[in-house]
Protein backbone atom coordinates (compact mmCIF):
# COMPACT_ATOMS: atom_id res chain seq x y z
CA MET A 1 -21.62 3.28 -28.96
CA ALA A 2 -18.29 1.73 -27.96
CA ARG A 3 -17.43 1.88 -24.29
CA GLN A 4 -13.66 1.92 -24.34
CA ALA A 5 -11.86 2.76 -21.12
CA LEU A 6 -10.10 5.77 -22.64
CA VAL A 7 -11.98 8.30 -24.77
CA THR A 8 -10.84 11.39 -26.68
CA SER A 9 -12.25 14.88 -26.47
CA LYS A 10 -13.63 14.40 -30.00
CA TRP A 11 -15.42 11.21 -28.95
CA LEU A 12 -16.92 12.89 -25.87
CA ALA A 13 -18.05 15.98 -27.78
CA GLU A 14 -19.78 13.76 -30.35
CA ALA A 15 -21.35 11.55 -27.66
CA VAL A 16 -22.78 14.59 -25.88
CA GLY A 17 -24.00 16.01 -29.20
CA ALA A 18 -25.74 12.73 -29.98
CA LYS A 19 -27.57 13.03 -26.66
CA GLY A 20 -26.66 9.50 -25.62
CA LYS A 21 -26.99 8.30 -22.03
CA VAL A 22 -23.64 9.78 -20.99
CA ARG A 23 -22.83 11.54 -17.72
CA ILE A 24 -19.62 13.57 -17.34
CA LEU A 25 -17.94 13.83 -13.94
CA ASP A 26 -15.26 16.27 -12.85
CA ALA A 27 -13.30 14.27 -10.26
CA SER A 28 -10.65 16.89 -9.51
CA TRP A 29 -8.92 16.65 -6.14
CA TYR A 30 -5.74 18.17 -4.76
CA LEU A 31 -3.51 17.47 -1.81
CA PRO A 32 -4.53 19.76 1.08
CA LYS A 33 -1.10 21.40 1.23
CA LEU A 34 -1.64 22.81 -2.27
CA ARG A 35 -4.51 24.93 -0.89
CA ARG A 36 -6.58 24.51 -4.04
CA SER A 37 -10.33 24.03 -3.90
CA ALA A 38 -11.36 21.60 -6.62
CA ARG A 39 -15.04 22.39 -6.05
CA SER A 40 -14.50 26.15 -6.37
CA GLU A 41 -12.54 25.63 -9.56
CA PHE A 42 -15.34 23.42 -10.89
CA GLU A 43 -17.90 26.12 -10.19
CA ARG A 44 -15.87 28.58 -12.26
CA ARG A 45 -14.87 26.28 -15.12
CA HIS A 46 -15.88 22.77 -16.18
CA ILE A 47 -16.98 20.79 -19.21
CA ALA A 48 -20.56 21.81 -19.96
CA GLY A 49 -23.01 19.36 -18.42
CA ALA A 50 -20.49 17.87 -15.97
CA SER A 51 -21.21 17.22 -12.30
CA PHE A 52 -18.63 17.38 -9.53
CA PHE A 53 -17.62 14.10 -7.86
CA ASP A 54 -16.10 14.76 -4.43
CA ILE A 55 -13.97 11.83 -3.23
CA ASP A 56 -13.88 13.40 0.25
CA GLN A 57 -17.68 13.21 0.44
CA CYS A 58 -18.28 9.87 -1.29
CA CYS A 59 -16.18 7.93 1.22
CA ASP A 60 -16.22 5.91 4.42
CA ARG A 61 -16.88 8.66 6.93
CA THR A 62 -16.17 6.36 9.87
CA SER A 63 -12.54 5.83 8.80
CA PRO A 64 -9.74 7.98 10.22
CA LEU A 65 -8.06 7.72 6.80
CA ASP A 66 -8.79 10.08 3.92
CA HIS A 67 -11.39 9.20 1.25
CA MET A 68 -11.54 5.44 1.85
CA LEU A 69 -14.09 3.48 -0.19
CA PRO A 70 -17.65 4.10 1.05
CA PRO A 71 -20.20 1.40 1.85
CA GLU A 72 -22.25 0.21 -1.12
CA LYS A 73 -25.36 2.17 -0.14
CA LEU A 74 -23.51 5.44 0.29
CA PHE A 75 -21.88 5.06 -3.13
CA ALA A 76 -25.19 4.10 -4.74
CA ASP A 77 -27.02 7.06 -3.19
CA TYR A 78 -24.24 9.52 -4.04
CA VAL A 79 -24.03 8.36 -7.66
CA GLY A 80 -27.80 8.20 -8.03
CA ASN A 81 -28.03 11.83 -6.92
CA LEU A 82 -25.73 12.69 -9.82
CA GLY A 83 -28.32 11.30 -12.22
CA ILE A 84 -26.43 8.09 -12.91
CA GLU A 85 -28.15 4.75 -13.45
CA ASN A 86 -26.69 1.31 -14.04
CA ASP A 87 -26.92 1.72 -17.82
CA THR A 88 -25.36 5.20 -17.89
CA HIS A 89 -21.99 5.61 -19.59
CA VAL A 90 -19.87 7.64 -17.17
CA VAL A 91 -16.92 9.69 -18.42
CA VAL A 92 -14.52 11.02 -15.78
CA TYR A 93 -11.87 13.72 -16.00
CA ASP A 94 -9.91 16.06 -13.73
CA ALA A 95 -8.32 19.48 -14.09
CA SER A 96 -4.78 18.64 -12.99
CA GLU A 97 -1.74 19.79 -14.92
CA PHE A 98 -0.71 16.14 -15.29
CA GLY A 99 -3.70 15.44 -17.56
CA ALA A 100 -4.88 12.79 -15.09
CA PHE A 101 -4.42 12.66 -11.34
CA SER A 102 -7.57 11.93 -9.33
CA ALA A 103 -9.96 10.94 -12.14
CA PRO A 104 -8.61 7.36 -12.31
CA ARG A 105 -9.65 6.97 -8.64
CA VAL A 106 -13.28 7.62 -9.56
CA TRP A 107 -12.98 5.41 -12.67
CA TRP A 108 -11.75 2.62 -10.36
CA MET A 109 -14.49 3.29 -7.78
CA PHE A 110 -17.20 2.76 -10.40
CA ARG A 111 -15.55 -0.46 -11.54
CA VAL A 112 -15.04 -1.81 -8.03
CA PHE A 113 -18.74 -1.20 -7.35
CA GLY A 114 -19.70 -3.21 -10.43
CA HIS A 115 -20.15 -0.49 -13.08
CA ARG A 116 -18.20 -1.31 -16.24
CA ALA A 117 -19.57 1.49 -18.46
CA VAL A 118 -17.02 4.04 -17.27
CA SER A 119 -14.25 5.81 -19.19
CA LEU A 120 -11.48 8.33 -18.64
CA LEU A 121 -11.20 11.43 -20.79
CA ASN A 122 -7.70 11.16 -22.21
CA GLY A 123 -5.76 14.32 -21.43
CA GLY A 124 -8.30 15.68 -18.96
CA LEU A 125 -9.65 19.22 -18.88
CA ARG A 126 -6.20 20.53 -19.84
CA ASN A 127 -6.40 18.96 -23.30
CA TRP A 128 -10.15 19.44 -23.67
CA GLU A 129 -9.46 23.17 -23.64
CA LEU A 130 -6.36 22.89 -25.83
CA ASP A 131 -8.55 21.10 -28.39
CA GLY A 132 -10.81 24.14 -28.43
CA ARG A 133 -13.74 22.46 -26.67
CA PRO A 134 -16.13 24.63 -24.64
CA VAL A 135 -16.15 25.01 -20.86
CA SER A 136 -18.83 26.54 -18.67
CA GLY A 137 -19.39 28.09 -15.27
CA LYS A 138 -23.06 27.11 -15.24
CA TYR A 139 -24.34 24.04 -13.43
CA MET A 140 -27.74 22.40 -13.54
CA ARG A 141 -28.35 19.76 -10.89
CA PRO A 142 -29.39 16.47 -12.57
CA GLU A 143 -32.58 14.65 -11.73
CA PRO A 144 -31.82 11.97 -9.10
CA SER A 145 -31.85 8.40 -10.36
CA GLU A 146 -31.49 4.94 -8.86
CA PHE A 147 -28.14 3.17 -8.92
CA LYS A 148 -27.35 -0.27 -7.51
CA ALA A 149 -23.81 -0.96 -6.31
CA SER A 150 -22.11 -4.30 -5.67
CA LEU A 151 -18.60 -4.17 -4.21
CA ASN A 152 -15.95 -6.50 -5.64
CA ARG A 153 -13.96 -7.07 -2.46
CA THR A 154 -11.17 -8.95 -4.26
CA TRP A 155 -10.03 -5.65 -5.80
CA VAL A 156 -9.55 -3.98 -2.41
CA LYS A 157 -6.66 -4.99 -0.16
CA THR A 158 -6.54 -4.35 3.57
CA TYR A 159 -3.59 -3.82 5.90
CA GLU A 160 -3.93 -7.46 6.98
CA ASP A 161 -3.79 -8.61 3.34
CA MET A 162 -0.62 -6.61 2.78
CA LEU A 163 0.99 -7.89 5.96
CA GLU A 164 0.24 -11.50 5.06
CA ASN A 165 1.65 -10.95 1.57
CA LEU A 166 5.07 -10.18 3.04
CA ASP A 167 5.34 -13.94 3.65
CA THR A 168 3.11 -15.45 0.97
CA LYS A 169 4.13 -13.12 -1.89
CA GLU A 170 0.80 -13.98 -3.47
CA PHE A 171 0.74 -10.71 -5.39
CA GLN A 172 3.23 -8.14 -6.63
CA VAL A 173 3.10 -4.76 -4.86
CA VAL A 174 3.56 -1.56 -6.85
CA ASP A 175 3.95 1.84 -5.21
CA ALA A 176 2.75 4.79 -7.32
CA ARG A 177 4.38 7.53 -5.22
CA PRO A 178 7.41 9.50 -6.48
CA LEU A 179 10.77 7.76 -6.06
CA GLY A 180 12.01 10.20 -3.39
CA ARG A 181 9.11 9.39 -1.08
CA PHE A 182 9.46 5.66 -1.82
CA ARG A 183 13.16 5.75 -0.89
CA GLY A 184 12.44 7.73 2.27
CA LEU A 185 14.35 10.83 1.18
CA ASP A 186 11.56 13.27 0.28
CA PRO A 187 8.82 14.26 2.77
CA GLU A 188 5.31 12.90 2.72
CA PRO A 189 2.58 15.48 2.11
CA ARG A 190 0.71 14.44 5.28
CA ASP A 191 1.74 15.32 8.81
CA ASN A 192 2.95 12.59 11.18
CA THR A 193 3.93 10.30 8.30
CA GLU A 194 7.52 9.61 7.32
CA PRO A 195 8.42 8.42 3.80
CA GLY A 196 9.60 4.93 2.93
CA HIS A 197 8.08 1.79 1.45
CA ILE A 198 6.69 -1.67 2.10
CA PRO A 199 9.30 -4.47 1.96
CA GLY A 200 9.45 -6.03 -1.51
CA SER A 201 7.38 -3.32 -3.20
CA ILE A 202 8.36 -1.78 -6.54
CA CYS A 203 8.25 1.94 -7.27
CA VAL A 204 6.53 3.00 -10.49
CA PRO A 205 5.48 6.66 -10.13
CA PHE A 206 1.96 7.29 -11.42
CA ASN A 207 3.07 9.89 -13.98
CA SER A 208 5.35 7.31 -15.67
CA PHE A 209 2.28 6.33 -17.71
CA LEU A 210 1.58 9.84 -19.04
CA SER A 211 3.18 11.74 -21.89
CA THR A 212 4.34 15.33 -21.46
CA SER A 213 1.10 16.37 -23.17
CA GLY A 214 -0.93 14.77 -20.37
CA HIS A 215 -2.23 11.85 -22.46
CA PHE A 216 -1.81 8.21 -21.51
CA LEU A 217 1.02 6.48 -23.35
CA PRO A 218 0.11 3.94 -26.06
CA LYS A 219 -0.37 0.37 -24.86
CA GLU A 220 3.05 -0.79 -26.05
CA GLN A 221 4.79 1.97 -24.09
CA LEU A 222 2.68 1.25 -20.99
CA GLN A 223 3.79 -2.37 -21.21
CA THR A 224 7.41 -1.21 -21.49
CA VAL A 225 7.08 0.86 -18.30
CA PHE A 226 5.81 -2.17 -16.40
CA GLY A 227 8.40 -4.47 -17.95
CA ARG A 228 11.36 -2.23 -17.13
CA ALA A 229 10.21 -2.14 -13.52
CA GLY A 230 10.22 -5.95 -13.41
CA ILE A 231 6.45 -6.29 -13.11
CA ASP A 232 4.80 -9.36 -14.61
CA LEU A 233 1.35 -8.31 -15.84
CA GLY A 234 0.37 -11.97 -16.04
CA ARG A 235 0.57 -12.25 -12.24
CA PRO A 236 -1.65 -10.73 -9.53
CA LEU A 237 -0.91 -7.08 -8.85
CA CYS A 238 -1.72 -4.74 -5.97
CA ILE A 239 -1.05 -1.01 -6.10
CA LEU A 240 -0.71 1.59 -3.37
CA CYS A 241 0.13 5.27 -3.05
CA GLY A 242 -0.35 7.72 -0.18
CA SER A 243 -4.11 7.36 0.19
CA GLY A 244 -5.46 5.34 -2.73
CA VAL A 245 -5.76 8.10 -5.36
CA THR A 246 -2.83 7.88 -7.78
CA ALA A 247 -2.61 4.11 -7.23
CA CYS A 248 -5.67 3.95 -9.47
CA GLN A 249 -3.67 5.55 -12.28
CA VAL A 250 -1.44 2.48 -12.26
CA ALA A 251 -4.51 0.23 -12.06
CA PHE A 252 -5.85 1.97 -15.15
CA ALA A 253 -2.55 1.46 -17.01
CA ALA A 254 -2.58 -2.25 -16.05
CA HIS A 255 -6.17 -2.48 -17.31
CA GLU A 256 -5.09 -1.01 -20.64
CA CYS A 257 -2.34 -3.64 -20.81
CA GLY A 258 -4.78 -6.52 -20.33
CA ASN A 259 -4.71 -6.91 -16.54
CA PRO A 260 -8.13 -5.62 -15.42
CA GLU A 261 -8.00 -7.44 -12.07
CA ALA A 262 -5.33 -5.31 -10.36
CA SER A 263 -6.26 -4.52 -6.77
CA VAL A 264 -5.63 -1.36 -4.73
CA TYR A 265 -4.43 -1.11 -1.14
CA ASP A 266 -6.97 1.51 -0.14
CA GLY A 267 -5.30 2.58 3.10
CA GLY A 268 -2.02 3.09 1.27
CA TRP A 269 1.17 4.38 2.81
CA SER A 270 -0.83 6.51 5.26
CA GLU A 271 -2.19 3.40 6.93
CA TRP A 272 0.89 1.24 6.51
CA TYR A 273 3.20 3.75 8.18
CA THR A 274 0.78 4.19 11.07
CA ARG A 275 0.26 0.49 11.75
CA ALA A 276 3.40 -1.32 10.59
CA ALA A 277 6.28 -2.42 12.77
CA PRO A 278 9.46 -0.35 12.29
CA GLU A 279 11.17 -3.20 10.44
CA HIS A 280 8.38 -3.09 7.86
CA VAL A 281 9.06 0.54 7.01
CA ILE A 282 12.00 0.46 4.59
CA SER A 283 13.69 3.83 4.31
CA GLU A 284 17.00 5.47 3.43
CA GLY A 285 15.92 8.32 5.69
CA ARG A 286 14.50 8.52 9.18
CA GLY A 287 12.21 5.50 8.93
CA LYS A 288 9.95 4.61 11.83
CA HIS A 289 10.90 4.53 15.48
CA LEU A 290 8.67 3.53 18.39
């Protein structure tokens, strides 16, 4: 069975029907200010057989930042408890109106921990239902399995990496947040954080890669989005957003365009704004003042 990075609802329905070694994960997550409980929504309605992947639980619990990458053992234990082994094909989706929002984060997490057999459900739960596929409110906990994780540290950038890159310009920096936040004109969704951007970064909002139907654009159109923004997919690429979630949407689009090595600045704008000097917070608005 082919393990393409993007699968259709038809493909997934047939894979489940064939009883292959496939595990489905609902990776829904919402910004706290939306006051939506992704877990509660999962308990009421999800693709039959899916398990819930909570990025706020499978994370580095010692970090003051939200849902940072967990240590290898924590990821391995968490995933193993979802019945996933190293030869399991994992298919991830979320229930956002965009068609994809947080699911690419979990797709990227599996890849950064060495698991290549992972795919996104194109169009998410929204289109699964529009295609007439069944959903369920029942959940059966899977039998725990053993999973081994190996972190690829080159795909994860730190604050120090980003600071050094201001001088070296070793990699291009793409910001997946909406343009208003990038420019410093629209508020950030987190308290005590002003909008703005890293010097030299390029704004490509995460939803630029999705059609109005919630599906990912065809490869040629994805390439056009990158090209119009002045991004060279043949050069190293690092992506950030507010806290490392929608950045992975851009990483997925780059992967589809033949750049599977794009890295993510995990701390994102939340960390940069907190730690950076005022002159490194570029903004048309308030900016940063000590």
